[in-house]
Amino acid sequence: MRQTRRSDGLQPLLIFPLNGNGLEALDCLRDAFRCVAFIDDLSEKHGVDAMGHLVVGREGNEFQTIEGNTNELGGREGVGVFARKRPVRQATLGFVEFAAR
């Protein structure tokens, strides 16, 4: 998935989960980031929320990472820096920033 800065200058952002903490993070980061979607494990939250934010689950969605201190198999015994495609279900971050290329 290739994401770049839009003409508004805001970096795209995924936030996990859609709750008070996620909404507070969005409020704090609003000046530098544009929320692409929230990720949430509760299927009843999936779709578009009352504020117009897209809410998706972890299953079936992927994002690209650049990982340091890893190896060809994705292990932690590092030999270099590698680009990886990770399923969102493995994400444990509070938010994911998409860096411009």
N, C-alpha and C. Protein backbone atom coordinates (compact mmCIF):
# COMPACT_ATOMS: atom_id res chain seq x y z
N MET A 1 0.86 -1.16 0.00
CA MET A 1 0.00 0.00 0.00
C MET A 1 0.90 1.23 0.00
N ARG A 2 0.83 2.03 -1.01
CA ARG A 2 1.66 3.23 -1.08
C ARG A 2 0.84 4.43 -0.66
N GLN A 3 1.32 5.10 0.35
CA GLN A 3 0.65 6.31 0.85
C GLN A 3 1.66 7.45 0.82
N THR A 4 1.22 8.60 0.41
CA THR A 4 2.07 9.78 0.40
C THR A 4 1.31 10.94 1.01
N ARG A 5 2.04 12.01 1.26
CA ARG A 5 1.38 13.20 1.77
C ARG A 5 0.44 13.75 0.71
N ARG A 6 -0.72 14.16 1.13
CA ARG A 6 -1.66 14.80 0.21
C ARG A 6 -1.33 16.27 0.14
N SER A 7 -2.02 16.97 -0.75
CA SER A 7 -1.76 18.40 -0.91
C SER A 7 -2.05 19.18 0.36
N ASP A 8 -2.85 18.59 1.29
CA ASP A 8 -3.10 19.28 2.56
C ASP A 8 -1.91 19.16 3.51
N GLY A 9 -0.89 18.37 3.15
CA GLY A 9 0.32 18.24 3.96
C GLY A 9 0.17 17.30 5.15
N LEU A 10 -0.98 16.67 5.31
CA LEU A 10 -1.20 15.80 6.46
C LEU A 10 -0.80 14.36 6.14
N GLN A 11 -0.10 13.72 7.07
CA GLN A 11 0.27 12.32 6.92
C GLN A 11 -0.94 11.43 7.20
N PRO A 12 -1.14 10.37 6.40
CA PRO A 12 -2.22 9.44 6.68
C PRO A 12 -1.93 8.62 7.93
N LEU A 13 -2.98 8.22 8.64
CA LEU A 13 -2.82 7.58 9.94
C LEU A 13 -3.92 6.55 10.17
N LEU A 14 -3.55 5.37 10.70
CA LEU A 14 -4.51 4.38 11.20
C LEU A 14 -4.44 4.42 12.71
N ILE A 15 -5.58 4.33 13.38
CA ILE A 15 -5.60 4.35 14.85
C ILE A 15 -6.31 3.10 15.36
N PHE A 16 -5.74 2.49 16.38
CA PHE A 16 -6.32 1.30 17.02
C PHE A 16 -6.39 1.55 18.51
N PRO A 17 -7.49 1.29 19.14
CA PRO A 17 -8.82 0.96 18.62
C PRO A 17 -9.69 2.21 18.57
N LEU A 18 -10.96 2.02 18.16
CA LEU A 18 -11.93 3.11 18.20
C LEU A 18 -12.54 3.12 19.60
N ASN A 19 -11.95 3.93 20.46
CA ASN A 19 -12.46 4.12 21.82
C ASN A 19 -12.05 5.52 22.27
N GLY A 20 -12.23 5.81 23.52
CA GLY A 20 -11.87 7.14 24.02
C GLY A 20 -10.41 7.47 23.81
N ASN A 21 -9.52 6.50 24.04
CA ASN A 21 -8.09 6.74 23.84
C ASN A 21 -7.76 7.01 22.38
N GLY A 22 -8.37 6.23 21.48
CA GLY A 22 -8.14 6.44 20.06
C GLY A 22 -8.63 7.80 19.59
N LEU A 23 -9.81 8.20 20.06
CA LEU A 23 -10.35 9.51 19.70
C LEU A 23 -9.50 10.64 20.27
N GLU A 24 -8.98 10.44 21.49
CA GLU A 24 -8.10 11.46 22.08
C GLU A 24 -6.80 11.56 21.29
N ALA A 25 -6.27 10.40 20.84
CA ALA A 25 -5.06 10.43 20.02
C ALA A 25 -5.31 11.19 18.73
N LEU A 26 -6.46 10.94 18.10
CA LEU A 26 -6.80 11.66 16.88
C LEU A 26 -6.88 13.16 17.14
N ASP A 27 -7.50 13.54 18.23
CA ASP A 27 -7.62 14.96 18.57
C ASP A 27 -6.24 15.59 18.76
N CYS A 28 -5.34 14.88 19.43
CA CYS A 28 -4.00 15.41 19.69
C CYS A 28 -3.15 15.48 18.42
N LEU A 29 -3.37 14.57 17.48
CA LEU A 29 -2.54 14.47 16.28
C LEU A 29 -3.16 15.14 15.06
N ARG A 30 -4.34 15.69 15.22
CA ARG A 30 -5.13 16.23 14.11
C ARG A 30 -4.39 17.25 13.25
N ASP A 31 -3.47 18.02 13.83
CA ASP A 31 -2.78 19.06 13.06
C ASP A 31 -1.73 18.50 12.10
N ALA A 32 -1.24 17.28 12.36
CA ALA A 32 -0.18 16.71 11.52
C ALA A 32 -0.62 15.48 10.75
N PHE A 33 -1.74 14.86 11.15
CA PHE A 33 -2.17 13.61 10.56
C PHE A 33 -3.62 13.65 10.12
N ARG A 34 -3.93 12.86 9.08
CA ARG A 34 -5.29 12.68 8.60
C ARG A 34 -5.68 11.23 8.88
N CYS A 35 -6.73 11.02 9.63
CA CYS A 35 -7.16 9.68 9.99
C CYS A 35 -7.71 8.97 8.75
N VAL A 36 -7.06 7.90 8.33
CA VAL A 36 -7.53 7.08 7.22
C VAL A 36 -8.65 6.17 7.71
N ALA A 37 -8.42 5.55 8.88
CA ALA A 37 -9.41 4.65 9.45
C ALA A 37 -9.04 4.31 10.88
N PHE A 38 -10.02 3.85 11.61
CA PHE A 38 -9.79 3.22 12.90
C PHE A 38 -9.81 1.72 12.69
N ILE A 39 -9.04 0.99 13.46
CA ILE A 39 -9.06 -0.47 13.45
C ILE A 39 -9.66 -0.89 14.78
N ASP A 40 -10.64 -1.79 14.75
CA ASP A 40 -11.25 -2.25 15.99
C ASP A 40 -11.64 -3.71 15.85
N ASP A 41 -11.48 -4.46 16.94
CA ASP A 41 -11.80 -5.89 16.93
C ASP A 41 -13.29 -6.18 17.04
N LEU A 42 -14.09 -5.22 17.48
CA LEU A 42 -15.52 -5.45 17.65
C LEU A 42 -16.25 -5.21 16.33
N SER A 43 -16.79 -6.28 15.76
CA SER A 43 -17.41 -6.18 14.44
C SER A 43 -18.59 -5.22 14.42
N GLU A 44 -19.25 -5.03 15.56
CA GLU A 44 -20.39 -4.10 15.58
C GLU A 44 -19.95 -2.64 15.38
N LYS A 45 -18.66 -2.35 15.53
CA LYS A 45 -18.15 -1.00 15.28
C LYS A 45 -17.74 -0.80 13.82
N HIS A 46 -17.61 -1.87 13.03
CA HIS A 46 -17.11 -1.77 11.66
C HIS A 46 -18.10 -1.02 10.78
N GLY A 47 -17.56 -0.30 9.83
CA GLY A 47 -18.36 0.52 8.92
C GLY A 47 -17.92 1.97 9.05
N VAL A 48 -18.88 2.87 9.14
CA VAL A 48 -18.59 4.29 9.33
C VAL A 48 -19.26 4.72 10.63
N ASP A 49 -18.47 5.33 11.52
CA ASP A 49 -19.03 5.73 12.82
C ASP A 49 -19.82 7.03 12.69
N ALA A 50 -20.41 7.46 13.80
CA ALA A 50 -21.27 8.65 13.81
C ALA A 50 -20.53 9.92 13.40
N MET A 51 -19.20 9.94 13.55
CA MET A 51 -18.41 11.11 13.18
C MET A 51 -17.86 11.02 11.76
N GLY A 52 -18.23 9.94 11.04
CA GLY A 52 -17.80 9.80 9.66
C GLY A 52 -16.48 9.09 9.45
N HIS A 53 -15.91 8.49 10.49
CA HIS A 53 -14.64 7.77 10.37
C HIS A 53 -14.89 6.33 9.92
N LEU A 54 -14.08 5.86 8.99
CA LEU A 54 -14.11 4.47 8.58
C LEU A 54 -13.55 3.61 9.72
N VAL A 55 -14.23 2.50 10.03
CA VAL A 55 -13.77 1.57 11.07
C VAL A 55 -13.70 0.18 10.44
N VAL A 56 -12.51 -0.43 10.49
CA VAL A 56 -12.31 -1.75 9.89
C VAL A 56 -11.74 -2.70 10.94
N GLY A 57 -11.85 -3.99 10.65
CA GLY A 57 -11.27 -5.01 11.52
C GLY A 57 -9.84 -5.30 11.12
N ARG A 58 -9.17 -6.12 11.93
CA ARG A 58 -7.80 -6.50 11.61
C ARG A 58 -7.73 -7.56 10.52
N GLU A 59 -8.71 -8.43 10.45
CA GLU A 59 -8.66 -9.54 9.49
C GLU A 59 -8.80 -9.05 8.06
N GLY A 60 -7.99 -9.60 7.18
CA GLY A 60 -8.09 -9.29 5.76
C GLY A 60 -7.47 -7.97 5.35
N ASN A 61 -6.85 -7.25 6.27
CA ASN A 61 -6.22 -5.98 5.96
C ASN A 61 -4.73 -6.09 6.24
N GLU A 62 -3.91 -5.44 5.39
CA GLU A 62 -2.46 -5.49 5.54
C GLU A 62 -1.89 -4.08 5.47
N PHE A 63 -0.67 -3.94 6.02
CA PHE A 63 0.07 -2.71 5.84
C PHE A 63 1.54 -3.04 5.66
N GLN A 64 2.25 -2.13 5.02
CA GLN A 64 3.68 -2.31 4.74
C GLN A 64 4.49 -1.73 5.88
N THR A 65 5.55 -2.45 6.28
CA THR A 65 6.44 -1.96 7.33
C THR A 65 7.87 -1.96 6.83
N ILE A 66 8.70 -1.19 7.47
CA ILE A 66 10.16 -1.27 7.31
C ILE A 66 10.66 -1.67 8.68
N GLU A 67 11.31 -2.84 8.78
CA GLU A 67 11.69 -3.39 10.07
C GLU A 67 13.20 -3.54 10.18
N GLY A 68 13.75 -3.00 11.22
CA GLY A 68 15.18 -3.13 11.49
C GLY A 68 15.45 -4.31 12.40
N ASN A 69 16.69 -4.75 12.43
CA ASN A 69 17.13 -5.86 13.27
C ASN A 69 16.25 -7.09 13.09
N THR A 70 16.05 -7.47 11.83
CA THR A 70 15.27 -8.66 11.51
C THR A 70 16.05 -9.48 10.49
N ASN A 71 15.49 -10.60 10.08
CA ASN A 71 16.15 -11.42 9.06
C ASN A 71 15.18 -11.74 7.94
N GLU A 72 15.64 -12.56 6.97
CA GLU A 72 14.84 -12.86 5.80
C GLU A 72 13.50 -13.52 6.14
N LEU A 73 13.45 -14.25 7.25
CA LEU A 73 12.23 -14.95 7.66
C LEU A 73 11.35 -14.12 8.59
N GLY A 74 11.79 -12.89 8.91
CA GLY A 74 11.01 -12.04 9.79
C GLY A 74 11.29 -12.26 11.26
N GLY A 75 12.33 -12.99 11.57
CA GLY A 75 12.68 -13.27 12.97
C GLY A 75 13.40 -12.12 13.64
N ARG A 76 13.60 -12.25 14.93
CA ARG A 76 14.22 -11.17 15.69
C ARG A 76 15.74 -11.25 15.72
N GLU A 77 16.33 -12.30 15.18
CA GLU A 77 17.79 -12.40 15.09
C GLU A 77 18.22 -11.65 13.85
N GLY A 78 18.51 -10.37 14.01
CA GLY A 78 18.65 -9.48 12.88
C GLY A 78 19.94 -9.60 12.10
N VAL A 79 19.80 -9.43 10.80
CA VAL A 79 20.93 -9.33 9.89
C VAL A 79 20.78 -8.11 8.99
N GLY A 80 19.67 -7.36 9.15
CA GLY A 80 19.46 -6.21 8.29
C GLY A 80 18.11 -5.55 8.50
N VAL A 81 17.79 -4.67 7.56
CA VAL A 81 16.53 -3.94 7.54
C VAL A 81 15.76 -4.41 6.32
N PHE A 82 14.50 -4.82 6.53
CA PHE A 82 13.71 -5.40 5.45
C PHE A 82 12.33 -4.77 5.38
N ALA A 83 11.80 -4.68 4.15
CA ALA A 83 10.40 -4.28 3.96
C ALA A 83 9.55 -5.52 4.17
N ARG A 84 8.46 -5.37 4.89
CA ARG A 84 7.55 -6.47 5.17
C ARG A 84 6.12 -6.04 4.90
N LYS A 85 5.28 -7.00 4.59
CA LYS A 85 3.85 -6.77 4.52
C LYS A 85 3.27 -7.55 5.69
N ARG A 86 2.66 -6.85 6.64
CA ARG A 86 2.14 -7.48 7.85
C ARG A 86 0.62 -7.39 7.88
N PRO A 87 -0.03 -8.45 8.34
CA PRO A 87 -1.47 -8.35 8.54
C PRO A 87 -1.78 -7.42 9.71
N VAL A 88 -2.82 -6.65 9.58
CA VAL A 88 -3.19 -5.72 10.65
C VAL A 88 -3.47 -6.48 11.94
N ARG A 89 -3.91 -7.74 11.85
CA ARG A 89 -4.19 -8.51 13.07
C ARG A 89 -2.95 -8.66 13.95
N GLN A 90 -1.74 -8.48 13.38
CA GLN A 90 -0.52 -8.55 14.18
C GLN A 90 -0.16 -7.21 14.82
N ALA A 91 -0.84 -6.15 14.44
CA ALA A 91 -0.49 -4.82 14.94
C ALA A 91 -0.80 -4.71 16.43
N THR A 92 0.15 -4.17 17.15
CA THR A 92 -0.07 -3.91 18.57
C THR A 92 0.18 -2.44 18.89
N LEU A 93 0.28 -1.63 17.84
CA LEU A 93 0.57 -0.22 18.02
C LEU A 93 -0.68 0.58 18.33
N GLY A 94 -0.51 1.72 18.97
CA GLY A 94 -1.62 2.62 19.19
C GLY A 94 -2.03 3.32 17.91
N PHE A 95 -1.06 3.58 17.04
CA PHE A 95 -1.38 4.11 15.72
C PHE A 95 -0.26 3.75 14.77
N VAL A 96 -0.54 3.78 13.49
CA VAL A 96 0.42 3.47 12.46
C VAL A 96 0.55 4.69 11.58
N GLU A 97 1.77 5.19 11.41
CA GLU A 97 2.01 6.33 10.54
C GLU A 97 2.47 5.83 9.19
N PHE A 98 1.87 6.33 8.11
CA PHE A 98 2.30 6.00 6.78
C PHE A 98 3.31 7.04 6.35
N ALA A 99 4.55 6.64 6.12
CA ALA A 99 5.59 7.58 5.73
C ALA A 99 5.52 7.85 4.23
N ALA A 100 5.77 9.07 3.84
CA ALA A 100 5.79 9.43 2.42
C ALA A 100 7.02 8.84 1.77
N ARG A 101 6.87 8.43 0.53
CA ARG A 101 8.01 7.87 -0.21
C ARG A 101 8.55 8.89 -1.17
